[in-house]
Amino acid sequence: MARNAVQFQRGLSEAEFERLYGTEEQCRAVVIAARWPDGFSCPVCGGRSYSEVKTRGLFQCTKCRRQTSPIAGTIFASTKLPLRTWFRAMYHLTQSKQGISSIELGRRLGVRQTSAWMLKHKLQQVMLERDGRKRLTGRVEIDDAYLGGERSGGKRGRGAPGKTPFIAQSRPRLKASRFD
Protein backbone atom coordinates (compact mmCIF):
# COMPACT_ATOMS: atom_id res chain seq x y z
CA MET A 1 0.00 0.00 0.00
CA ALA A 2 1.32 3.45 -0.91
CA ARG A 3 2.37 5.75 1.89
CA ASN A 4 0.56 9.10 2.17
CA ALA A 5 3.25 11.64 1.26
CA VAL A 6 1.46 14.58 2.88
CA GLN A 7 0.85 12.81 6.18
CA PHE A 8 4.46 11.69 6.50
CA GLN A 9 6.24 14.80 5.21
CA ARG A 10 9.40 15.63 7.09
CA GLY A 11 8.59 19.10 8.39
CA LEU A 12 11.06 21.45 10.03
CA SER A 13 12.54 20.61 13.42
CA GLU A 14 12.69 23.29 16.10
CA ALA A 15 16.49 23.10 16.09
CA GLU A 16 16.61 23.62 12.32
CA PHE A 17 14.12 26.48 12.59
CA GLU A 18 16.23 28.18 15.29
CA ARG A 19 19.32 27.76 13.13
CA LEU A 20 17.60 29.42 10.15
CA TYR A 21 15.48 32.07 11.90
CA GLY A 22 16.79 32.25 15.47
CA THR A 23 17.81 35.91 15.46
CA GLU A 24 16.08 39.14 14.57
CA GLU A 25 18.78 39.81 11.94
CA GLN A 26 18.14 36.48 10.20
CA CYS A 27 14.38 37.14 10.10
CA ARG A 28 14.95 40.68 8.80
CA ALA A 29 17.24 39.34 6.05
CA VAL A 30 14.51 36.91 4.94
CA VAL A 31 11.90 39.70 4.83
CA ILE A 32 14.25 41.96 2.83
CA ALA A 33 15.06 39.15 0.38
CA ALA A 34 11.34 38.39 -0.08
CA ARG A 35 10.37 42.04 -0.50
CA TRP A 36 13.21 42.96 -2.87
CA PRO A 37 14.40 39.71 -4.54
CA ASP A 38 16.35 41.69 -7.18
CA GLY A 39 17.77 44.18 -4.68
CA PHE A 40 16.35 47.37 -3.22
CA SER A 41 13.90 49.37 -5.33
CA CYS A 42 12.47 52.66 -4.05
CA PRO A 43 8.65 52.53 -3.96
CA VAL A 44 8.48 56.23 -4.96
CA CYS A 45 11.04 56.75 -7.73
CA GLY A 46 12.27 53.20 -8.47
CA GLY A 47 15.84 54.10 -7.51
CA ARG A 48 18.15 51.16 -6.88
CA SER A 49 20.80 52.72 -4.63
CA TYR A 50 20.21 53.31 -0.95
CA SER A 51 21.83 53.98 2.38
CA GLU A 52 20.76 52.35 5.62
CA VAL A 53 19.49 54.31 8.59
CA LYS A 54 20.72 51.68 11.04
CA THR A 55 19.34 53.34 14.18
CA ARG A 56 15.78 53.08 12.81
CA GLY A 57 16.12 50.01 10.55
CA LEU A 58 15.18 51.98 7.43
CA PHE A 59 16.44 52.19 3.86
CA GLN A 60 16.87 55.67 2.38
CA CYS A 61 16.82 56.09 -1.38
CA THR A 62 19.87 58.10 -2.48
CA LYS A 63 17.92 59.51 -5.44
CA CYS A 64 14.75 60.93 -3.80
CA ARG A 65 15.79 60.59 -0.12
CA ARG A 66 12.56 58.70 0.74
CA GLN A 67 12.91 56.44 3.78
CA THR A 68 11.32 53.00 3.55
CA SER A 69 10.99 50.21 6.08
CA PRO A 70 11.31 46.62 4.84
CA ILE A 71 8.15 45.75 6.79
CA ALA A 72 6.03 48.68 5.53
CA GLY A 73 3.00 47.42 3.65
CA THR A 74 3.33 43.90 5.06
CA ILE A 75 1.49 42.07 7.83
CA PHE A 76 4.45 42.88 10.08
CA ALA A 77 3.79 46.63 9.85
CA SER A 78 2.11 48.53 12.70
CA THR A 79 3.13 46.00 15.32
CA LYS A 80 5.58 46.19 18.19
CA LEU A 81 6.27 42.46 18.13
CA PRO A 82 9.72 41.46 16.90
CA LEU A 83 10.02 39.67 13.56
CA ARG A 84 11.39 36.65 15.41
CA THR A 85 8.05 36.33 17.24
CA TRP A 86 6.17 36.49 13.92
CA PHE A 87 8.43 33.81 12.45
CA ARG A 88 7.98 31.58 15.50
CA ALA A 89 4.20 32.02 15.17
CA MET A 90 4.44 30.96 11.51
CA TYR A 91 6.44 27.92 12.57
CA HIS A 92 3.92 26.82 15.21
CA LEU A 93 0.92 27.42 12.93
CA THR A 94 2.39 25.42 10.07
CA GLN A 95 3.98 22.60 12.06
CA SER A 96 1.08 21.62 14.33
CA LYS A 97 -0.99 19.03 12.48
CA GLN A 98 -4.20 19.62 14.41
CA GLY A 99 -3.98 23.40 14.65
CA ILE A 100 -3.16 25.51 17.67
CA SER A 101 -5.31 27.75 19.83
CA SER A 102 -4.39 31.37 20.44
CA ILE A 103 -3.99 30.55 24.14
CA GLU A 104 -1.42 27.83 23.40
CA LEU A 105 0.28 30.00 20.78
CA GLY A 106 0.58 32.79 23.35
CA ARG A 107 2.19 30.38 25.83
CA ARG A 108 4.71 29.16 23.27
CA LEU A 109 5.60 32.68 22.10
CA GLY A 110 5.58 34.31 25.53
CA VAL A 111 2.95 36.89 24.54
CA ARG A 112 -0.59 37.65 25.73
CA GLN A 113 -3.47 35.67 24.28
CA THR A 114 -4.81 38.77 22.51
CA SER A 115 -1.47 39.29 20.74
CA ALA A 116 -1.35 35.61 19.80
CA TRP A 117 -4.92 35.84 18.46
CA MET A 118 -3.97 38.86 16.32
CA LEU A 119 -0.85 37.08 15.00
CA LYS A 120 -2.77 33.92 14.20
CA HIS A 121 -5.59 35.69 12.39
CA LYS A 122 -3.30 37.95 10.36
CA LEU A 123 -1.23 34.93 9.28
CA GLN A 124 -4.34 32.89 8.45
CA GLN A 125 -5.70 35.78 6.36
CA VAL A 126 -2.45 35.96 4.37
CA MET A 127 -2.51 32.17 3.84
CA LEU A 128 -6.13 32.39 2.66
CA GLU A 129 -5.37 35.21 0.22
CA ARG A 130 -2.32 33.37 -1.14
CA ASP A 131 -4.24 30.10 -1.57
CA GLY A 132 -7.04 31.99 -3.33
CA ARG A 133 -4.61 32.99 -6.08
CA LYS A 134 -3.38 29.44 -6.73
CA ARG A 135 -5.64 27.52 -9.06
CA LEU A 136 -5.34 23.85 -9.90
CA THR A 137 -4.93 23.17 -13.60
CA GLY A 138 -5.48 20.09 -15.71
CA ARG A 139 -7.60 17.24 -14.44
CA VAL A 140 -8.81 17.77 -10.86
CA GLU A 141 -10.72 15.16 -8.83
CA ILE A 142 -13.14 16.40 -6.18
CA ASP A 143 -15.13 14.45 -3.59
CA ASP A 144 -17.25 15.35 -0.59
CA ALA A 145 -17.56 13.61 2.75
CA TYR A 146 -18.82 14.17 6.27
CA LEU A 147 -16.57 14.28 9.32
CA GLY A 148 -17.55 13.59 12.91
CA GLY A 149 -20.97 12.77 14.25
CA GLU A 150 -22.11 10.11 16.66
CA ARG A 151 -20.26 6.79 16.59
CA SER A 152 -23.09 4.45 17.45
CA GLY A 153 -26.83 4.80 17.75
CA GLY A 154 -28.64 7.92 16.72
CA LYS A 155 -29.48 8.91 13.18
CA ARG A 156 -27.29 7.56 10.39
CA GLY A 157 -26.31 9.09 7.09
CA ARG A 158 -25.69 12.60 5.87
CA GLY A 159 -28.12 14.28 8.22
CA ALA A 160 -26.56 12.87 11.41
CA PRO A 161 -26.09 15.49 14.15
CA GLY A 162 -22.58 16.83 14.63
CA LYS A 163 -21.36 15.89 11.16
CA THR A 164 -19.39 18.54 9.31
CA PRO A 165 -19.38 18.47 5.50
CA PHE A 166 -16.10 19.08 3.70
CA ILE A 167 -14.76 18.89 0.16
CA ALA A 168 -11.41 17.42 -0.89
CA GLN A 169 -9.66 17.97 -4.19
CA SER A 170 -6.47 16.65 -5.72
CA ARG A 171 -4.60 16.32 -8.96
CA PRO A 172 -4.02 12.69 -9.88
CA ARG A 173 -0.37 11.68 -10.24
CA LEU A 174 -1.01 9.25 -13.06
CA LYS A 175 -1.28 10.59 -16.61
CA ALA A 176 -4.24 8.33 -17.40
CA SER A 177 -6.74 6.72 -15.10
CA ARG A 178 -8.06 3.17 -15.39
CA PHE A 179 -11.58 4.58 -15.54
CA ASP A 180 -11.12 7.01 -18.48
C-alpha atoms as a PDB file:
ATOM      1  CA  MET A   1       0.000   0.000   0.000  1.00  0.00           C
ATOM      2  CA  ALA A   2       1.321   3.446  -0.914  1.00  0.00           C
ATOM      3  CA  ARG A   3       2.366   5.750   1.886  1.00  0.00           C
ATOM      4  CA  ASN A   4       0.561   9.099   2.169  1.00  0.00           C
ATOM      5  CA  ALA A   5       3.253  11.643   1.257  1.00  0.00           C
ATOM      6  CA  VAL A   6       1.456  14.579   2.884  1.00  0.00           C
ATOM      7  CA  GLN A   7       0.846  12.811   6.177  1.00  0.00           C
ATOM      8  CA  PHE A   8       4.459  11.687   6.496  1.00  0.00           C
ATOM      9  CA  GLN A   9       6.238  14.799   5.208  1.00  0.00           C
ATOM     10  CA  ARG A  10       9.404  15.634   7.087  1.00  0.00           C
ATOM     11  CA  GLY A  11       8.589  19.101   8.392  1.00  0.00           C
ATOM     12  CA  LEU A  12      11.059  21.449  10.032  1.00  0.00           C
ATOM     13  CA  SER A  13      12.539  20.610  13.417  1.00  0.00           C
ATOM     14  CA  GLU A  14      12.693  23.294  16.097  1.00  0.00           C
ATOM     15  CA  ALA A  15      16.493  23.096  16.089  1.00  0.00           C
ATOM     16  CA  GLU A  16      16.605  23.617  12.321  1.00  0.00           C
ATOM     17  CA  PHE A  17      14.115  26.477  12.591  1.00  0.00           C
ATOM     18  CA  GLU A  18      16.225  28.179  15.286  1.00  0.00           C
ATOM     19  CA  ARG A  19      19.321  27.764  13.134  1.00  0.00           C
ATOM     20  CA  LEU A  20      17.602  29.420  10.150  1.00  0.00           C
ATOM     21  CA  TYR A  21      15.480  32.071  11.903  1.00  0.00           C
ATOM     22  CA  GLY A  22      16.791  32.250  15.474  1.00  0.00           C
ATOM     23  CA  THR A  23      17.810  35.909  15.463  1.00  0.00           C
ATOM     24  CA  GLU A  24      16.076  39.144  14.567  1.00  0.00           C
ATOM     25  CA  GLU A  25      18.781  39.805  11.944  1.00  0.00           C
ATOM     26  CA  GLN A  26      18.137  36.479  10.196  1.00  0.00           C
ATOM     27  CA  CYS A  27      14.378  37.143  10.102  1.00  0.00           C
ATOM     28  CA  ARG A  28      14.950  40.677   8.803  1.00  0.00           C
ATOM     29  CA  ALA A  29      17.242  39.345   6.051  1.00  0.00           C
ATOM     30  CA  VAL A  30      14.513  36.908   4.944  1.00  0.00           C
ATOM     31  CA  VAL A  31      11.902  39.703   4.832  1.00  0.00           C
ATOM     32  CA  ILE A  32      14.255  41.959   2.833  1.00  0.00           C
ATOM     33  CA  ALA A  33      15.062  39.146   0.378  1.00  0.00           C
ATOM     34  CA  ALA A  34      11.342  38.392  -0.078  1.00  0.00           C
ATOM     35  CA  ARG A  35      10.374  42.041  -0.504  1.00  0.00           C
ATOM     36  CA  TRP A  36      13.206  42.959  -2.870  1.00  0.00           C
ATOM     37  CA  PRO A  37      14.400  39.708  -4.544  1.00  0.00           C
ATOM     38  CA  ASP A  38      16.354  41.688  -7.180  1.00  0.00           C
ATOM     39  CA  GLY A  39      17.772  44.178  -4.682  1.00  0.00           C
ATOM     40  CA  PHE A  40      16.347  47.373  -3.217  1.00  0.00           C
ATOM     41  CA  SER A  41      13.901  49.367  -5.329  1.00  0.00           C
ATOM     42  CA  CYS A  42      12.470  52.655  -4.045  1.00  0.00           C
ATOM     43  CA  PRO A  43       8.649  52.533  -3.964  1.00  0.00           C
ATOM     44  CA  VAL A  44       8.482  56.227  -4.961  1.00  0.00           C
ATOM     45  CA  CYS A  45      11.044  56.745  -7.730  1.00  0.00           C
ATOM     46  CA  GLY A  46      12.267  53.201  -8.465  1.00  0.00           C
ATOM     47  CA  GLY A  47      15.843  54.098  -7.513  1.00  0.00           C
ATOM     48  CA  ARG A  48      18.154  51.156  -6.877  1.00  0.00           C
ATOM     49  CA  SER A  49      20.803  52.723  -4.631  1.00  0.00           C
ATOM     50  CA  TYR A  50      20.210  53.314  -0.948  1.00  0.00           C
ATOM     51  CA  SER A  51      21.832  53.975   2.378  1.00  0.00           C
ATOM     52  CA  GLU A  52      20.762  52.345   5.619  1.00  0.00           C
ATOM     53  CA  VAL A  53      19.490  54.314   8.589  1.00  0.00           C
ATOM     54  CA  LYS A  54      20.717  51.682  11.040  1.00  0.00           C
ATOM     55  CA  THR A  55      19.338  53.337  14.177  1.00  0.00           C
ATOM     56  CA  ARG A  56      15.780  53.075  12.813  1.00  0.00           C
ATOM     57  CA  GLY A  57      16.120  50.013  10.548  1.00  0.00           C
ATOM     58  CA  LEU A  58      15.175  51.980   7.430  1.00  0.00           C
ATOM     59  CA  PHE A  59      16.439  52.192   3.857  1.00  0.00           C
ATOM     60  CA  GLN A  60      16.865  55.673   2.380  1.00  0.00           C
ATOM     61  CA  CYS A  61      16.819  56.090  -1.384  1.00  0.00           C
ATOM     62  CA  THR A  62      19.868  58.103  -2.481  1.00  0.00           C
ATOM     63  CA  LYS A  63      17.924  59.508  -5.442  1.00  0.00           C
ATOM     64  CA  CYS A  64      14.748  60.926  -3.802  1.00  0.00           C
ATOM     65  CA  ARG A  65      15.791  60.588  -0.117  1.00  0.00           C
ATOM     66  CA  ARG A  66      12.562  58.703   0.737  1.00  0.00           C
ATOM     67  CA  GLN A  67      12.909  56.442   3.777  1.00  0.00           C
ATOM     68  CA  THR A  68      11.319  52.998   3.551  1.00  0.00           C
ATOM     69  CA  SER A  69      10.988  50.215   6.077  1.00  0.00           C
ATOM     70  CA  PRO A  70      11.307  46.623   4.841  1.00  0.00           C
ATOM     71  CA  ILE A  71       8.145  45.750   6.787  1.00  0.00           C
ATOM     72  CA  ALA A  72       6.034  48.684   5.529  1.00  0.00           C
ATOM     73  CA  GLY A  73       2.998  47.422   3.650  1.00  0.00           C
ATOM     74  CA  THR A  74       3.327  43.898   5.055  1.00  0.00           C
ATOM     75  CA  ILE A  75       1.486  42.071   7.830  1.00  0.00           C
ATOM     76  CA  PHE A  76       4.446  42.877  10.084  1.00  0.00           C
ATOM     77  CA  ALA A  77       3.788  46.630   9.849  1.00  0.00           C
ATOM     78  CA  SER A  78       2.113  48.532  12.704  1.00  0.00           C
ATOM     79  CA  THR A  79       3.131  45.998  15.322  1.00  0.00           C
ATOM     80  CA  LYS A  80       5.576  46.188  18.189  1.00  0.00           C
ATOM     81  CA  LEU A  81       6.275  42.458  18.130  1.00  0.00           C
ATOM     82  CA  PRO A  82       9.724  41.459  16.901  1.00  0.00           C
ATOM     83  CA  LEU A  83      10.017  39.668  13.556  1.00  0.00           C
ATOM     84  CA  ARG A  84      11.389  36.652  15.407  1.00  0.00           C
ATOM     85  CA  THR A  85       8.048  36.326  17.241  1.00  0.00           C
ATOM     86  CA  TRP A  86       6.173  36.494  13.922  1.00  0.00           C
ATOM     87  CA  PHE A  87       8.431  33.811  12.447  1.00  0.00           C
ATOM     88  CA  ARG A  88       7.984  31.578  15.498  1.00  0.00           C
ATOM     89  CA  ALA A  89       4.203  32.023  15.173  1.00  0.00           C
ATOM     90  CA  MET A  90       4.436  30.960  11.508  1.00  0.00           C
ATOM     91  CA  TYR A  91       6.436  27.920  12.573  1.00  0.00           C
ATOM     92  CA  HIS A  92       3.921  26.821  15.207  1.00  0.00           C
ATOM     93  CA  LEU A  93       0.917  27.421  12.932  1.00  0.00           C
ATOM     94  CA  THR A  94       2.392  25.418  10.068  1.00  0.00           C
ATOM     95  CA  GLN A  95       3.984  22.598  12.059  1.00  0.00           C
ATOM     96  CA  SER A  96       1.084  21.619  14.326  1.00  0.00           C
ATOM     97  CA  LYS A  97      -0.990  19.032  12.479  1.00  0.00           C
ATOM     98  CA  GLN A  98      -4.201  19.620  14.407  1.00  0.00           C
ATOM     99  CA  GLY A  99      -3.984  23.398  14.648  1.00  0.00           C
ATOM    100  CA  ILE A 100      -3.164  25.506  17.666  1.00  0.00           C
ATOM    101  CA  SER A 101      -5.313  27.751  19.829  1.00  0.00           C
ATOM    102  CA  SER A 102      -4.395  31.374  20.441  1.00  0.00           C
ATOM    103  CA  ILE A 103      -3.990  30.554  24.142  1.00  0.00           C
ATOM    104  CA  GLU A 104      -1.417  27.831  23.401  1.00  0.00           C
ATOM    105  CA  LEU A 105       0.284  29.998  20.776  1.00  0.00           C
ATOM    106  CA  GLY A 106       0.578  32.789  23.351  1.00  0.00           C
ATOM    107  CA  ARG A 107       2.188  30.379  25.830  1.00  0.00           C
ATOM    108  CA  ARG A 108       4.714  29.161  23.270  1.00  0.00           C
ATOM    109  CA  LEU A 109       5.602  32.678  22.102  1.00  0.00           C
ATOM    110  CA  GLY A 110       5.579  34.308  25.531  1.00  0.00           C
ATOM    111  CA  VAL A 111       2.948  36.890  24.538  1.00  0.00           C
ATOM    112  CA  ARG A 112      -0.586  37.645  25.732  1.00  0.00           C
ATOM    113  CA  GLN A 113      -3.470  35.671  24.278  1.00  0.00           C
ATOM    114  CA  THR A 114      -4.814  38.773  22.507  1.00  0.00           C
ATOM    115  CA  SER A 115      -1.474  39.289  20.738  1.00  0.00           C
ATOM    116  CA  ALA A 116      -1.350  35.610  19.798  1.00  0.00           C
ATOM    117  CA  TRP A 117      -4.915  35.844  18.463  1.00  0.00           C
ATOM    118  CA  MET A 118      -3.974  38.861  16.318  1.00  0.00           C
ATOM    119  CA  LEU A 119      -0.851  37.077  15.003  1.00  0.00           C
ATOM    120  CA  LYS A 120      -2.770  33.916  14.205  1.00  0.00           C
ATOM    121  CA  HIS A 121      -5.589  35.691  12.393  1.00  0.00           C
ATOM    122  CA  LYS A 122      -3.303  37.948  10.361  1.00  0.00           C
ATOM    123  CA  LEU A 123      -1.229  34.933   9.277  1.00  0.00           C
ATOM    124  CA  GLN A 124      -4.341  32.894   8.445  1.00  0.00           C
ATOM    125  CA  GLN A 125      -5.699  35.783   6.364  1.00  0.00           C
ATOM    126  CA  VAL A 126      -2.455  35.959   4.371  1.00  0.00           C
ATOM    127  CA  MET A 127      -2.513  32.174   3.836  1.00  0.00           C
ATOM    128  CA  LEU A 128      -6.127  32.391   2.663  1.00  0.00           C
ATOM    129  CA  GLU A 129      -5.367  35.208   0.220  1.00  0.00           C
ATOM    130  CA  ARG A 130      -2.319  33.365  -1.137  1.00  0.00           C
ATOM    131  CA  ASP A 131      -4.240  30.097  -1.574  1.00  0.00           C
ATOM    132  CA  GLY A 132      -7.040  31.987  -3.330  1.00  0.00           C
ATOM    133  CA  ARG A 133      -4.606  32.992  -6.080  1.00  0.00           C
ATOM    134  CA  LYS A 134      -3.377  29.438  -6.732  1.00  0.00           C
ATOM    135  CA  ARG A 135      -5.640  27.517  -9.063  1.00  0.00           C
ATOM    136  CA  LEU A 136      -5.340  23.847  -9.897  1.00  0.00           C
ATOM    137  CA  THR A 137      -4.932  23.165 -13.599  1.00  0.00           C
ATOM    138  CA  GLY A 138      -5.479  20.089 -15.709  1.00  0.00           C
ATOM    139  CA  ARG A 139      -7.599  17.242 -14.436  1.00  0.00           C
ATOM    140  CA  VAL A 140      -8.805  17.766 -10.855  1.00  0.00           C
ATOM    141  CA  GLU A 141     -10.716  15.164  -8.825  1.00  0.00           C
ATOM    142  CA  ILE A 142     -13.145  16.400  -6.176  1.00  0.00           C
ATOM    143  CA  ASP A 143     -15.129  14.445  -3.588  1.00  0.00           C
ATOM    144  CA  ASP A 144     -17.246  15.354  -0.591  1.00  0.00           C
ATOM    145  CA  ALA A 145     -17.562  13.608   2.750  1.00  0.00           C
ATOM    146  CA  TYR A 146     -18.816  14.175   6.274  1.00  0.00           C
ATOM    147  CA  LEU A 147     -16.569  14.284   9.321  1.00  0.00           C
ATOM    148  CA  GLY A 148     -17.545  13.588  12.906  1.00  0.00           C
ATOM    149  CA  GLY A 149     -20.966  12.767  14.253  1.00  0.00           C
ATOM    150  CA  GLU A 150     -22.111  10.108  16.656  1.00  0.00           C
ATOM    151  CA  ARG A 151     -20.256   6.791  16.587  1.00  0.00           C
ATOM    152  CA  SER A 152     -23.087   4.446  17.450  1.00  0.00           C
ATOM    153  CA  GLY A 153     -26.827   4.798  17.752  1.00  0.00           C
ATOM    154  CA  GLY A 154     -28.644   7.921  16.718  1.00  0.00           C
ATOM    155  CA  LYS A 155     -29.482   8.912  13.181  1.00  0.00           C
ATOM    156  CA  ARG A 156     -27.285   7.560  10.392  1.00  0.00           C
ATOM    157  CA  GLY A 157     -26.305   9.085   7.091  1.00  0.00           C
ATOM    158  CA  ARG A 158     -25.695  12.601   5.865  1.00  0.00           C
ATOM    159  CA  GLY A 159     -28.123  14.281   8.225  1.00  0.00           C
ATOM    160  CA  ALA A 160     -26.562  12.873  11.409  1.00  0.00           C
ATOM    161  CA  PRO A 161     -26.090  15.487  14.146  1.00  0.00           C
ATOM    162  CA  GLY A 162     -22.578  16.826  14.634  1.00  0.00           C
ATOM    163  CA  LYS A 163     -21.364  15.889  11.160  1.00  0.00           C
ATOM    164  CA  THR A 164     -19.385  18.537   9.310  1.00  0.00           C
ATOM    165  CA  PRO A 165     -19.380  18.475   5.502  1.00  0.00           C
ATOM    166  CA  PHE A 166     -16.098  19.077   3.697  1.00  0.00           C
ATOM    167  CA  ILE A 167     -14.764  18.889   0.156  1.00  0.00           C
ATOM    168  CA  ALA A 168     -11.411  17.421  -0.886  1.00  0.00           C
ATOM    169  CA  GLN A 169      -9.661  17.966  -4.189  1.00  0.00           C
ATOM    170  CA  SER A 170      -6.474  16.649  -5.723  1.00  0.00           C
ATOM    171  CA  ARG A 171      -4.600  16.324  -8.956  1.00  0.00           C
ATOM    172  CA  PRO A 172      -4.020  12.692  -9.882  1.00  0.00           C
ATOM    173  CA  ARG A 173      -0.374  11.678 -10.236  1.00  0.00           C
ATOM    174  CA  LEU A 174      -1.014   9.246 -13.062  1.00  0.00           C
ATOM    175  CA  LYS A 175      -1.281  10.592 -16.606  1.00  0.00           C
ATOM    176  CA  ALA A 176      -4.238   8.335 -17.404  1.00  0.00           C
ATOM    177  CA  SER A 177      -6.738   6.718 -15.100  1.00  0.00           C
ATOM    178  CA  ARG A 178      -8.058   3.171 -15.394  1.00  0.00           C
ATOM    179  CA  PHE A 179     -11.582   4.585 -15.545  1.00  0.00           C
ATOM    180  CA  ASP A 180     -11.123   7.007 -18.480  1.00  0.00           C
END
